[in-house]
Amino acid sequence: MKVYYDDEVDALYIKLGEQTPEGVKEISESVNLDLTSDGKLVGIEILKASSKIDIQTILSYTLELDKNLLKQNVA
């Protein structure tokens, strides 16, 4: 996962995968999901981001995953 913020246009993009999106679904005003042709979520775009979330908080998160827990959910 990668997070990008463009302060000139106040847009936040959360990239969830390496696939190229082939469609967009607007889920609320200024919040869009990027989807592959088979419906897999590959990105989230938030326009007017600073009015919707705390930008400094989202850009400072660290995520730790328990790989054993992930393996159990995949099996």
N, C-alpha and C. Protein backbone atom coordinates (compact mmCIF):
# COMPACT_ATOMS: atom_id res chain seq x y z
N MET A 1 0.84 -1.17 0.00
CA MET A 1 0.00 0.00 0.00
C MET A 1 0.89 1.24 0.00
N LYS A 2 0.52 2.21 -0.82
CA LYS A 2 1.25 3.48 -0.88
C LYS A 2 0.23 4.61 -0.78
N VAL A 3 0.64 5.68 -0.10
CA VAL A 3 -0.24 6.83 0.07
C VAL A 3 0.43 8.04 -0.55
N TYR A 4 -0.33 8.76 -1.38
CA TYR A 4 0.17 9.95 -2.06
C TYR A 4 -0.75 11.11 -1.72
N TYR A 5 -0.15 12.28 -1.45
CA TYR A 5 -0.96 13.46 -1.20
C TYR A 5 -0.42 14.61 -2.03
N ASP A 6 -1.30 15.26 -2.77
CA ASP A 6 -0.94 16.42 -3.58
C ASP A 6 -1.59 17.63 -2.92
N ASP A 7 -0.77 18.44 -2.23
CA ASP A 7 -1.32 19.58 -1.51
C ASP A 7 -1.77 20.72 -2.42
N GLU A 8 -1.29 20.75 -3.65
CA GLU A 8 -1.72 21.80 -4.58
C GLU A 8 -3.19 21.64 -4.97
N VAL A 9 -3.65 20.40 -5.09
CA VAL A 9 -5.05 20.16 -5.45
C VAL A 9 -5.84 19.52 -4.30
N ASP A 10 -5.17 19.31 -3.15
CA ASP A 10 -5.79 18.72 -1.96
C ASP A 10 -6.43 17.36 -2.27
N ALA A 11 -5.62 16.49 -2.87
CA ALA A 11 -6.10 15.16 -3.24
C ALA A 11 -5.20 14.10 -2.60
N LEU A 12 -5.83 13.08 -2.04
CA LEU A 12 -5.13 11.96 -1.43
C LEU A 12 -5.43 10.71 -2.24
N TYR A 13 -4.39 9.92 -2.51
CA TYR A 13 -4.60 8.67 -3.24
C TYR A 13 -3.95 7.54 -2.46
N ILE A 14 -4.72 6.50 -2.20
CA ILE A 14 -4.22 5.31 -1.52
C ILE A 14 -4.16 4.20 -2.55
N LYS A 15 -2.95 3.79 -2.90
CA LYS A 15 -2.75 2.76 -3.91
C LYS A 15 -2.67 1.41 -3.20
N LEU A 16 -3.56 0.51 -3.55
CA LEU A 16 -3.67 -0.77 -2.87
C LEU A 16 -3.10 -1.94 -3.64
N GLY A 17 -2.79 -1.75 -4.90
CA GLY A 17 -2.27 -2.84 -5.71
C GLY A 17 -1.54 -2.30 -6.92
N GLU A 18 -0.92 -3.21 -7.65
CA GLU A 18 -0.15 -2.82 -8.82
C GLU A 18 -0.94 -2.91 -10.12
N GLN A 19 -2.15 -3.46 -10.06
CA GLN A 19 -2.95 -3.57 -11.27
C GLN A 19 -3.38 -2.19 -11.76
N THR A 20 -3.60 -2.07 -13.05
CA THR A 20 -4.07 -0.83 -13.64
C THR A 20 -5.58 -0.75 -13.50
N PRO A 21 -6.09 0.33 -12.91
CA PRO A 21 -7.55 0.44 -12.80
C PRO A 21 -8.19 0.64 -14.16
N GLU A 22 -9.37 0.03 -14.32
CA GLU A 22 -10.08 0.14 -15.59
C GLU A 22 -11.45 0.78 -15.42
N GLY A 23 -11.75 1.16 -14.19
CA GLY A 23 -13.02 1.81 -13.92
C GLY A 23 -12.99 2.51 -12.59
N VAL A 24 -13.95 3.41 -12.41
CA VAL A 24 -14.04 4.20 -11.18
C VAL A 24 -15.48 4.12 -10.68
N LYS A 25 -15.61 3.98 -9.36
CA LYS A 25 -16.93 4.01 -8.74
C LYS A 25 -16.92 5.10 -7.68
N GLU A 26 -17.80 6.08 -7.83
CA GLU A 26 -17.92 7.14 -6.83
C GLU A 26 -18.77 6.62 -5.68
N ILE A 27 -18.21 6.61 -4.46
CA ILE A 27 -18.98 6.09 -3.33
C ILE A 27 -19.59 7.21 -2.48
N SER A 28 -19.04 8.40 -2.59
CA SER A 28 -19.65 9.60 -2.01
C SER A 28 -19.02 10.79 -2.71
N GLU A 29 -19.52 11.99 -2.41
CA GLU A 29 -18.99 13.16 -3.09
C GLU A 29 -17.49 13.29 -2.86
N SER A 30 -16.73 13.28 -3.92
CA SER A 30 -15.26 13.44 -3.92
C SER A 30 -14.50 12.23 -3.38
N VAL A 31 -15.15 11.07 -3.28
CA VAL A 31 -14.46 9.84 -2.86
C VAL A 31 -14.73 8.78 -3.92
N ASN A 32 -13.64 8.32 -4.56
CA ASN A 32 -13.77 7.38 -5.67
C ASN A 32 -12.94 6.12 -5.43
N LEU A 33 -13.45 5.01 -5.89
CA LEU A 33 -12.73 3.74 -5.85
C LEU A 33 -12.25 3.41 -7.25
N ASP A 34 -10.98 3.06 -7.38
CA ASP A 34 -10.45 2.59 -8.66
C ASP A 34 -10.54 1.07 -8.67
N LEU A 35 -11.13 0.53 -9.72
CA LEU A 35 -11.39 -0.91 -9.81
C LEU A 35 -10.82 -1.50 -11.08
N THR A 36 -10.47 -2.78 -11.01
CA THR A 36 -10.08 -3.51 -12.21
C THR A 36 -11.35 -3.93 -12.94
N SER A 37 -11.19 -4.50 -14.12
CA SER A 37 -12.36 -4.93 -14.90
C SER A 37 -13.16 -6.02 -14.19
N ASP A 38 -12.50 -6.78 -13.31
CA ASP A 38 -13.23 -7.83 -12.57
C ASP A 38 -13.65 -7.38 -11.17
N GLY A 39 -13.59 -6.06 -10.91
CA GLY A 39 -14.12 -5.51 -9.68
C GLY A 39 -13.18 -5.47 -8.48
N LYS A 40 -11.90 -5.76 -8.69
CA LYS A 40 -10.95 -5.70 -7.58
C LYS A 40 -10.55 -4.26 -7.30
N LEU A 41 -10.51 -3.92 -6.02
CA LEU A 41 -10.16 -2.58 -5.58
C LEU A 41 -8.65 -2.39 -5.64
N VAL A 42 -8.20 -1.37 -6.38
CA VAL A 42 -6.76 -1.11 -6.50
C VAL A 42 -6.36 0.28 -6.02
N GLY A 43 -7.34 1.14 -5.73
CA GLY A 43 -7.01 2.47 -5.25
C GLY A 43 -8.21 3.22 -4.74
N ILE A 44 -7.91 4.19 -3.86
CA ILE A 44 -8.95 5.06 -3.31
C ILE A 44 -8.49 6.50 -3.51
N GLU A 45 -9.33 7.31 -4.13
CA GLU A 45 -9.02 8.71 -4.36
C GLU A 45 -9.96 9.56 -3.51
N ILE A 46 -9.38 10.50 -2.76
CA ILE A 46 -10.18 11.40 -1.95
C ILE A 46 -9.83 12.83 -2.35
N LEU A 47 -10.80 13.50 -2.95
CA LEU A 47 -10.64 14.89 -3.33
C LEU A 47 -11.11 15.78 -2.18
N LYS A 48 -10.59 17.00 -2.11
CA LYS A 48 -10.87 17.88 -0.96
C LYS A 48 -10.53 17.15 0.33
N ALA A 49 -9.41 16.44 0.29
CA ALA A 49 -9.04 15.51 1.35
C ALA A 49 -8.90 16.16 2.72
N SER A 50 -8.34 17.35 2.80
CA SER A 50 -8.11 17.97 4.10
C SER A 50 -9.42 18.31 4.82
N SER A 51 -10.52 18.39 4.09
CA SER A 51 -11.82 18.63 4.73
C SER A 51 -12.49 17.32 5.17
N LYS A 52 -11.92 16.18 4.76
CA LYS A 52 -12.52 14.89 5.07
C LYS A 52 -11.74 14.08 6.11
N ILE A 53 -10.40 14.25 6.13
CA ILE A 53 -9.57 13.50 7.07
C ILE A 53 -8.40 14.37 7.53
N ASP A 54 -7.76 13.94 8.60
CA ASP A 54 -6.56 14.63 9.09
C ASP A 54 -5.38 14.14 8.24
N ILE A 55 -4.91 14.98 7.34
CA ILE A 55 -3.86 14.61 6.40
C ILE A 55 -2.59 14.18 7.13
N GLN A 56 -2.19 14.90 8.15
CA GLN A 56 -0.95 14.57 8.86
C GLN A 56 -1.04 13.19 9.50
N THR A 57 -2.21 12.82 9.98
CA THR A 57 -2.38 11.51 10.60
C THR A 57 -2.26 10.40 9.57
N ILE A 58 -2.92 10.54 8.45
CA ILE A 58 -2.88 9.48 7.43
C ILE A 58 -1.49 9.32 6.83
N LEU A 59 -0.73 10.39 6.76
CA LEU A 59 0.61 10.29 6.18
C LEU A 59 1.64 9.80 7.18
N SER A 60 1.27 9.61 8.43
CA SER A 60 2.24 9.17 9.44
C SER A 60 1.98 7.78 10.00
N TYR A 61 1.02 7.05 9.47
CA TYR A 61 0.70 5.73 9.98
C TYR A 61 1.74 4.68 9.62
N THR A 62 1.90 3.73 10.52
CA THR A 62 2.72 2.55 10.29
C THR A 62 1.81 1.34 10.47
N LEU A 63 1.94 0.39 9.59
CA LEU A 63 1.09 -0.79 9.63
C LEU A 63 1.94 -2.02 9.84
N GLU A 64 1.63 -2.79 10.89
CA GLU A 64 2.33 -4.03 11.14
C GLU A 64 1.33 -5.17 10.97
N LEU A 65 1.73 -6.18 10.22
CA LEU A 65 0.84 -7.30 9.95
C LEU A 65 1.39 -8.58 10.56
N ASP A 66 0.50 -9.39 11.11
CA ASP A 66 0.86 -10.70 11.62
C ASP A 66 0.71 -11.67 10.45
N LYS A 67 1.83 -12.12 9.88
CA LYS A 67 1.80 -12.97 8.69
C LYS A 67 1.08 -14.29 8.95
N ASN A 68 1.16 -14.81 10.16
CA ASN A 68 0.46 -16.05 10.49
C ASN A 68 -1.07 -15.85 10.42
N LEU A 69 -1.52 -14.71 10.86
CA LEU A 69 -2.96 -14.41 10.79
C LEU A 69 -3.41 -14.30 9.34
N LEU A 70 -2.59 -13.69 8.52
CA LEU A 70 -2.92 -13.56 7.10
C LEU A 70 -3.00 -14.93 6.42
N LYS A 71 -2.07 -15.81 6.75
CA LYS A 71 -2.06 -17.15 6.14
C LYS A 71 -3.33 -17.92 6.53
N GLN A 72 -3.81 -17.75 7.75
CA GLN A 72 -5.00 -18.45 8.21
C GLN A 72 -6.23 -17.97 7.44
N ASN A 73 -6.30 -16.67 7.16
CA ASN A 73 -7.46 -16.12 6.46
C ASN A 73 -7.46 -16.46 4.98
N VAL A 74 -6.30 -16.73 4.40
CA VAL A 74 -6.21 -17.06 2.98
C VAL A 74 -6.58 -18.52 2.74
N ALA A 75 -6.22 -19.36 3.67
CA ALA A 75 -6.44 -20.81 3.52
C ALA A 75 -7.90 -21.19 3.56
